Amino acid sequence: MIDNRHKNHNTLNLVMTDIRPKNHIVLNPVMINKNHPNIHVPALSQRHLKKRHQRLLKRPSTNYILSFANKLYGDYAIAFIQKFLFCALKLYWTEVDGVDFHCAPGDVRQLINLWTEIQTHGKIKNILPEGSVDSLTELLMVNNMYFKGVWDVEFKKELTKEAPFFTDAKAYHTVQLMHSKGTFSTGTVYLNNIEAQVLEIPYKDHVMSMFVLLPADESSEALLQLENALTYEDLLDWSYDLKPEEVELAIPKFSLEKTVEADKYLDLSLLNDSEKADFSGATTTHGVALSQLVHDTFFEVDEEGGEAPATKEAQVSRRQRRGPVPFIADHPFLFYVRQNCTKSILLFGRFLKPE
């Protein structure tokens, strides 16, 4: 998750530094934090964090699809300690599989891709492209997440229309823009000299919510400037300041996927170097190093949701006097999904333009 103000600025900057030319990023902080203690969550112990995430995974729901998948693949030449295998599964929900990287790296790659595709309902495919695994691979860690929620109140499909999505003052792309009018928690924040609207869109039964951060400035530069100033505390604090308002909402229908080779963004040098790595708690084999840590998140937003509740007349009359607040996400925005009871941020992303 996002680090505090005094440690490497924050994890958002850390993972976004080298991918800003891309159109968007989707990061699953839960998975990275759960498996890598060098990413810190303020005032939250690792044991508490694990219990939170395990409760998330164990709770079946018809209101969202949430699939986590963790697996560590080790070459057959590595002799794993039984206690490590037990702890990996018990504490981190991570299976450890022995495979033949040395003699059949291509077959192993296809096996990992198939496993990932099945675990994510067919959404994440080819997580390891051809040539990414070779006979020198020793340990390969894969973690991924697929999330699609059902809104508390649906977006009417007949209101979804093609509309321009502006990337700057002159350029635009066409998106499917969903529309809704109703009561949402919203507000305005100022960060790093950037004004932005914040809106909470709850999923069914308010177990989770998607928050959208929409800068008043339509440029991609303004969005990146907002990113640079964000902290974990900001994302949590803003939710307490939002007020219910009648809102005229428009947001793109979209799906995003991001695959990250974590060693490009996290300092895994003590794990990647066979002379420095110490896996003595996991294996009796000497000189073992982590070859890759691959993280993938797939996120979907569409119209699906429940029926709108009856609106109280007194509330309607008060809001109609000043009209609904417009929240039109027709230019670059940030978003994140939060589990409301635990305040855990499941994923964070940016939407710069449609693919």
Protein backbone atom coordinates (compact mmCIF):
# COMPACT_ATOMS: atom_id res chain seq x y z
CA MET A 1 0.00 0.00 0.00
CA ILE A 2 1.02 3.62 -0.07
CA ASP A 3 3.92 4.26 2.23
CA ASN A 4 3.92 7.06 4.76
CA ARG A 5 5.32 10.52 4.07
CA HIS A 6 8.77 9.81 5.45
CA LYS A 7 9.68 6.57 3.67
CA ASN A 8 10.69 6.85 0.00
CA HIS A 9 7.91 9.46 -0.45
CA ASN A 10 5.29 6.83 -1.24
CA THR A 11 4.79 3.54 -2.98
CA LEU A 12 2.69 5.12 -5.71
CA ASN A 13 5.70 7.06 -6.93
CA LEU A 14 7.84 3.97 -6.61
CA VAL A 15 5.66 1.86 -8.90
CA MET A 16 4.79 4.64 -11.34
CA THR A 17 8.20 6.18 -11.92
CA ASP A 18 9.08 4.15 -15.00
CA ILE A 19 5.62 3.65 -16.48
CA ARG A 20 4.25 7.14 -16.88
CA PRO A 21 4.38 6.99 -20.68
CA LYS A 22 1.78 4.24 -20.48
CA ASN A 23 -1.92 5.02 -20.68
CA HIS A 24 -2.80 3.66 -17.27
CA ILE A 25 -1.70 1.56 -14.37
CA VAL A 26 -3.57 -0.82 -12.16
CA LEU A 27 -1.73 -1.83 -9.02
CA ASN A 28 -2.92 -4.34 -6.44
CA PRO A 29 -1.35 -3.07 -3.18
CA VAL A 30 -2.87 -5.88 -1.09
CA MET A 31 -0.96 -8.61 -2.88
CA ILE A 32 2.36 -6.79 -2.97
CA ASN A 33 2.10 -5.73 0.67
CA LYS A 34 1.03 -9.16 1.82
CA ASN A 35 4.06 -10.83 0.32
CA HIS A 36 6.74 -8.17 0.65
CA PRO A 37 7.31 -6.58 4.06
CA ASN A 38 9.49 -3.78 2.63
CA ILE A 39 6.26 -2.02 1.57
CA HIS A 40 4.84 -0.64 4.77
CA VAL A 41 1.29 0.05 5.90
CA PRO A 42 1.18 2.77 8.56
CA ALA A 43 0.13 1.61 12.03
CA LEU A 44 -0.86 -1.84 10.83
CA SER A 45 0.98 -5.01 11.86
CA GLN A 46 1.71 -7.69 9.28
CA ARG A 47 -0.27 -10.22 11.34
CA HIS A 48 -3.31 -7.94 11.44
CA LEU A 49 -2.97 -7.30 7.72
CA LYS A 50 -2.93 -11.03 6.94
CA LYS A 51 -6.07 -11.61 9.00
CA ARG A 52 -7.87 -8.81 7.17
CA HIS A 53 -7.02 -10.21 3.77
CA GLN A 54 -7.88 -13.76 4.74
CA ARG A 55 -11.31 -12.61 5.87
CA LEU A 56 -11.70 -10.96 2.47
CA LEU A 57 -10.81 -14.15 0.63
CA LYS A 58 -12.95 -16.45 2.77
CA ARG A 59 -16.11 -14.38 2.44
CA PRO A 60 -18.07 -15.49 -0.65
CA SER A 61 -20.20 -12.82 -2.24
CA THR A 62 -22.61 -12.35 -5.13
CA ASN A 63 -21.88 -8.61 -5.01
CA TYR A 64 -18.40 -8.82 -6.48
CA ILE A 65 -15.87 -11.16 -8.04
CA LEU A 66 -12.59 -11.01 -6.17
CA SER A 67 -9.95 -13.54 -7.12
CA PHE A 68 -6.49 -13.60 -5.55
CA ALA A 69 -3.87 -16.04 -6.77
CA ASN A 70 -0.38 -16.61 -5.33
CA LYS A 71 2.09 -19.30 -6.25
CA LEU A 72 5.83 -19.81 -5.94
CA TYR A 73 7.42 -22.01 -8.59
CA GLY A 74 10.78 -23.61 -7.82
CA ASP A 75 13.00 -25.78 -9.98
CA TYR A 76 13.05 -29.49 -9.13
CA ALA A 77 16.70 -29.10 -8.07
CA ILE A 78 15.61 -27.01 -5.06
CA ALA A 79 14.90 -28.99 -1.88
CA PHE A 80 12.22 -27.07 0.04
CA ILE A 81 11.84 -27.42 3.81
CA GLN A 82 8.46 -28.86 4.82
CA LYS A 83 7.89 -26.21 7.50
CA PHE A 84 8.35 -23.49 4.86
CA LEU A 85 5.79 -25.16 2.57
CA PHE A 86 3.31 -25.28 5.46
CA CYS A 87 3.88 -21.66 6.51
CA ALA A 88 3.67 -20.35 2.94
CA LEU A 89 0.26 -21.95 2.53
CA LYS A 90 -1.04 -21.26 6.05
CA LEU A 91 0.13 -17.66 6.47
CA TYR A 92 0.31 -16.36 2.91
CA TRP A 93 -2.09 -18.63 1.00
CA THR A 94 0.79 -19.36 -1.35
CA GLU A 95 1.34 -22.81 -2.82
CA VAL A 96 4.87 -23.88 -3.71
CA ASP A 97 5.16 -26.01 -6.83
CA GLY A 98 8.19 -27.91 -8.08
CA VAL A 99 8.68 -27.60 -11.86
CA ASP A 100 11.35 -28.39 -14.44
CA PHE A 101 12.71 -24.97 -15.35
CA HIS A 102 16.05 -26.49 -16.34
CA CYS A 103 14.83 -28.94 -18.98
CA ALA A 104 11.38 -27.61 -19.99
CA PRO A 105 11.11 -23.85 -19.38
CA GLY A 106 8.63 -23.38 -22.23
CA ASP A 107 6.25 -25.99 -20.88
CA VAL A 108 6.48 -24.48 -17.40
CA ARG A 109 5.67 -21.04 -18.78
CA GLN A 110 2.53 -22.40 -20.47
CA LEU A 111 1.54 -24.18 -17.26
CA ILE A 112 1.85 -20.97 -15.24
CA ASN A 113 -0.14 -19.02 -17.83
CA LEU A 114 -2.93 -21.62 -17.80
CA TRP A 115 -3.07 -21.66 -13.98
CA THR A 116 -3.29 -17.86 -13.86
CA GLU A 117 -6.02 -17.76 -16.52
CA ILE A 118 -8.13 -20.30 -14.61
CA GLN A 119 -7.65 -18.51 -11.26
CA THR A 120 -8.78 -15.16 -12.73
CA HIS A 121 -11.87 -16.42 -14.60
CA GLY A 122 -10.13 -16.22 -17.95
CA LYS A 123 -9.30 -12.53 -17.63
CA ILE A 124 -5.51 -12.62 -17.18
CA LYS A 125 -3.89 -14.46 -20.06
CA ASN A 126 -0.26 -14.93 -21.05
CA ILE A 127 1.09 -13.38 -17.85
CA LEU A 128 4.51 -14.73 -18.86
CA PRO A 129 5.23 -13.89 -22.51
CA GLU A 130 7.38 -16.11 -24.69
CA GLY A 131 11.05 -15.90 -23.75
CA SER A 132 10.41 -14.67 -20.19
CA VAL A 133 11.36 -18.04 -18.65
CA ASP A 134 14.54 -19.94 -19.46
CA SER A 135 16.62 -22.85 -18.20
CA LEU A 136 18.42 -20.59 -15.70
CA THR A 137 15.20 -19.72 -13.83
CA GLU A 138 15.25 -21.00 -10.24
CA LEU A 139 12.44 -19.34 -8.28
CA LEU A 140 9.51 -17.51 -9.87
CA MET A 141 6.76 -15.86 -7.83
CA VAL A 142 3.40 -15.05 -9.44
CA ASN A 143 0.65 -13.06 -7.75
CA ASN A 144 -2.41 -11.58 -9.38
CA MET A 145 -5.88 -10.30 -8.73
CA TYR A 146 -9.12 -9.95 -10.70
CA PHE A 147 -11.86 -7.66 -9.41
CA LYS A 148 -15.30 -6.78 -10.75
CA GLY A 149 -17.95 -5.34 -8.46
CA VAL A 150 -21.72 -4.93 -8.67
CA TRP A 151 -22.75 -1.35 -7.95
CA ASP A 152 -25.18 -0.55 -5.17
CA VAL A 153 -27.24 1.25 -7.81
CA GLU A 154 -26.90 0.27 -11.44
CA PHE A 155 -26.01 2.52 -14.34
CA LYS A 156 -28.85 2.20 -16.85
CA LYS A 157 -27.42 0.54 -19.96
CA GLU A 158 -29.66 2.58 -22.25
CA LEU A 159 -27.98 5.76 -20.94
CA THR A 160 -24.48 4.58 -21.88
CA LYS A 161 -23.42 6.52 -24.98
CA GLU A 162 -20.31 7.12 -27.03
CA ALA A 163 -18.70 10.37 -25.92
CA PRO A 164 -15.36 12.19 -26.21
CA PHE A 165 -12.70 11.62 -23.54
CA PHE A 166 -10.29 14.56 -23.56
CA THR A 167 -6.57 13.97 -23.05
CA ASP A 168 -5.76 17.66 -23.46
CA ALA A 169 -7.43 20.84 -24.71
CA LYS A 170 -7.56 19.62 -28.33
CA ALA A 171 -7.10 15.83 -28.42
CA TYR A 172 -9.77 13.33 -27.47
CA HIS A 173 -10.70 9.65 -27.79
CA THR A 174 -14.12 8.04 -27.91
CA VAL A 175 -15.34 6.08 -24.87
CA GLN A 176 -18.54 4.43 -23.71
CA LEU A 177 -19.68 6.93 -21.07
CA MET A 178 -22.05 5.61 -18.38
CA HIS A 179 -24.53 7.99 -16.74
CA SER A 180 -26.35 8.07 -13.42
CA LYS A 181 -28.12 10.62 -11.27
CA GLY A 182 -28.45 10.07 -7.54
CA THR A 183 -27.03 10.67 -4.10
CA PHE A 184 -23.28 10.12 -3.79
CA SER A 185 -20.68 11.16 -1.23
CA THR A 186 -18.52 13.81 -2.86
CA GLY A 187 -16.28 16.77 -2.15
CA THR A 188 -13.42 18.92 -3.42
CA VAL A 189 -9.79 18.60 -2.34
CA TYR A 190 -6.66 20.65 -3.00
CA LEU A 191 -3.30 18.91 -3.22
CA ASN A 192 0.00 20.11 -4.72
CA ASN A 193 -1.82 23.16 -6.14
CA ILE A 194 -4.26 20.88 -7.95
CA GLU A 195 -8.01 21.10 -7.37
CA ALA A 196 -9.82 17.77 -7.68
CA GLN A 197 -13.29 16.40 -7.15
CA VAL A 198 -13.56 13.19 -5.12
CA LEU A 199 -16.53 10.86 -5.49
CA GLU A 200 -17.41 7.58 -3.78
CA ILE A 201 -19.38 5.05 -5.83
CA PRO A 202 -20.46 2.22 -3.49
CA TYR A 203 -20.69 -1.39 -4.53
CA LYS A 204 -23.62 -3.56 -3.44
CA ASP A 205 -24.34 -3.43 0.33
CA HIS A 206 -21.52 -0.85 0.71
CA VAL A 207 -18.99 -3.58 1.52
CA MET A 208 -16.62 -1.94 -0.95
CA SER A 209 -16.45 1.38 -2.77
CA MET A 210 -14.69 2.82 -5.76
CA PHE A 211 -13.31 6.32 -5.24
CA VAL A 212 -12.63 8.58 -8.22
CA LEU A 213 -10.23 11.56 -8.09
CA LEU A 214 -10.95 13.95 -10.96
CA PRO A 215 -8.68 17.02 -11.39
CA ALA A 216 -10.35 20.20 -12.56
CA ASP A 217 -7.47 20.59 -15.02
CA GLU A 218 -8.04 18.18 -17.91
CA SER A 219 -4.36 17.67 -18.75
CA SER A 220 -2.39 14.49 -18.04
CA GLU A 221 0.26 16.67 -16.41
CA ALA A 222 -2.21 17.77 -13.74
CA LEU A 223 -3.03 14.14 -13.00
CA LEU A 224 0.64 13.25 -12.56
CA GLN A 225 1.13 16.29 -10.35
CA LEU A 226 -1.73 15.05 -8.18
CA GLU A 227 -0.17 11.57 -8.05
CA ASN A 228 3.14 12.98 -6.90
CA ALA A 229 1.57 14.43 -3.77
CA LEU A 230 -0.67 11.50 -2.79
CA THR A 231 -0.14 9.56 0.42
CA TYR A 232 -1.97 6.65 2.01
CA GLU A 233 -3.29 9.02 4.69
CA ASP A 234 -4.81 11.29 2.01
CA LEU A 235 -6.81 8.45 0.50
CA LEU A 236 -8.21 7.47 3.88
CA ASP A 237 -8.77 10.98 5.25
CA TRP A 238 -10.72 12.23 2.26
CA SER A 239 -13.44 9.64 2.74
CA TYR A 240 -14.33 11.23 6.10
CA ASP A 241 -14.72 14.68 4.53
CA LEU A 242 -17.10 13.70 1.72
CA LYS A 243 -20.74 14.78 2.03
CA PRO A 244 -23.85 13.26 0.41
CA GLU A 245 -25.00 15.33 -2.55
CA GLU A 246 -27.30 14.93 -5.50
CA VAL A 247 -24.84 14.21 -8.33
CA GLU A 248 -25.05 14.08 -12.11
CA LEU A 249 -22.44 11.37 -12.75
CA ALA A 250 -20.74 10.31 -15.96
CA ILE A 251 -17.81 7.86 -16.03
CA PRO A 252 -16.34 5.62 -18.73
CA LYS A 253 -17.11 1.93 -18.97
CA PHE A 254 -13.71 0.27 -19.05
CA SER A 255 -11.48 -2.65 -18.16
CA LEU A 256 -7.79 -2.34 -17.34
CA GLU A 257 -4.98 -4.79 -16.89
CA LYS A 258 -1.42 -4.20 -15.76
CA THR A 259 1.41 -6.70 -15.52
CA VAL A 260 4.40 -5.60 -13.47
CA GLU A 261 7.76 -7.33 -13.10
CA ALA A 262 8.15 -6.23 -9.50
CA ASP A 263 11.95 -6.33 -9.48
CA LYS A 264 11.88 -3.28 -11.78
CA TYR A 265 10.11 -1.22 -9.12
CA LEU A 266 11.06 -2.84 -5.82
CA ASP A 267 14.55 -3.34 -4.46
CA LEU A 268 14.84 -7.12 -4.55
CA SER A 269 18.62 -7.14 -4.88
CA LEU A 270 19.03 -9.20 -1.70
CA LEU A 271 16.76 -11.85 -3.21
CA ASN A 272 17.89 -11.76 -6.86
CA ASP A 273 21.61 -12.20 -6.19
CA SER A 274 22.58 -15.82 -5.43
CA GLU A 275 25.59 -14.63 -3.42
CA LYS A 276 23.51 -12.32 -1.22
CA ALA A 277 20.18 -14.14 -1.02
CA ASP A 278 19.52 -16.15 2.12
CA PHE A 279 16.76 -18.72 1.62
CA SER A 280 18.03 -20.99 4.38
CA GLY A 281 14.60 -20.87 6.03
CA ALA A 282 12.98 -22.19 2.88
CA THR A 283 15.43 -24.64 1.34
CA THR A 284 18.48 -26.73 2.12
CA THR A 285 19.83 -26.01 -1.36
CA HIS A 286 22.61 -23.40 -1.40
CA GLY A 287 22.98 -20.51 -3.84
CA VAL A 288 19.28 -20.15 -4.64
CA ALA A 289 18.01 -16.76 -5.89
CA LEU A 290 14.62 -15.31 -6.89
CA SER A 291 14.55 -15.04 -10.69
CA GLN A 292 11.26 -13.14 -11.14
CA LEU A 293 8.34 -11.72 -9.20
CA VAL A 294 5.42 -11.02 -11.53
CA HIS A 295 2.30 -9.13 -10.43
CA ASP A 296 -0.87 -8.69 -12.51
CA THR A 297 -4.18 -6.99 -11.78
CA PHE A 298 -7.32 -6.97 -13.95
CA PHE A 299 -10.12 -4.52 -13.10
CA GLU A 300 -13.53 -4.07 -14.73
CA VAL A 301 -16.10 -1.28 -14.57
CA ASP A 302 -19.52 -1.66 -16.21
CA GLU A 303 -23.18 -0.83 -15.58
CA GLU A 304 -24.21 -3.85 -13.50
CA GLY A 305 -25.83 -3.01 -10.17
CA GLY A 306 -28.94 -3.04 -8.01
CA GLU A 307 -32.17 -1.09 -8.20
CA ALA A 308 -32.25 2.49 -6.96
CA PRO A 309 -33.98 2.88 -3.56
CA ALA A 310 -36.96 5.16 -3.09
CA THR A 311 -35.79 8.73 -2.49
CA LYS A 312 -37.09 10.67 0.47
CA GLU A 313 -39.08 13.68 -0.70
CA ALA A 314 -37.54 16.08 1.81
CA GLN A 315 -34.05 15.25 0.63
CA VAL A 316 -35.01 15.64 -3.01
CA SER A 317 -36.65 19.04 -2.53
CA ARG A 318 -33.63 20.48 -0.69
CA ARG A 319 -31.19 19.36 -3.39
CA GLN A 320 -33.39 20.32 -6.33
CA ARG A 321 -33.28 23.95 -5.24
CA ARG A 322 -29.57 24.16 -6.06
CA GLY A 323 -29.40 21.43 -8.72
CA PRO A 324 -27.21 18.33 -8.89
CA VAL A 325 -23.43 18.53 -8.64
CA PRO A 326 -21.85 17.60 -12.00
CA PHE A 327 -19.14 14.92 -11.85
CA ILE A 328 -18.18 14.30 -15.46
CA ALA A 329 -15.15 12.00 -15.79
CA ASP A 330 -14.43 12.84 -19.42
CA HIS A 331 -10.71 13.47 -18.87
CA PRO A 332 -7.85 11.69 -17.01
CA PHE A 333 -8.63 10.55 -13.46
CA LEU A 334 -7.31 8.38 -10.64
CA PHE A 335 -9.33 5.68 -8.89
CA TYR A 336 -9.01 3.18 -6.09
CA VAL A 337 -11.16 0.43 -4.57
CA ARG A 338 -11.45 0.18 -0.81
CA GLN A 339 -12.93 -2.46 1.45
CA ASN A 340 -14.92 -0.23 3.78
CA CYS A 341 -14.95 -2.16 7.05
CA THR A 342 -11.17 -2.68 7.13
CA LYS A 343 -10.15 0.44 5.14
CA SER A 344 -7.94 -1.83 3.00
CA ILE A 345 -7.16 -0.44 -0.45
CA LEU A 346 -7.47 -3.35 -2.86
CA LEU A 347 -6.20 -1.61 -5.95
CA PHE A 348 -5.17 1.79 -7.25
CA GLY A 349 -5.05 2.97 -10.85
CA ARG A 350 -5.11 5.78 -13.34
CA PHE A 351 -7.14 6.18 -16.50
CA LEU A 352 -5.49 8.43 -19.08
CA LYS A 353 -7.23 7.28 -22.24
CA PRO A 354 -9.00 4.20 -23.60
CA GLU A 355 -6.97 1.42 -25.17
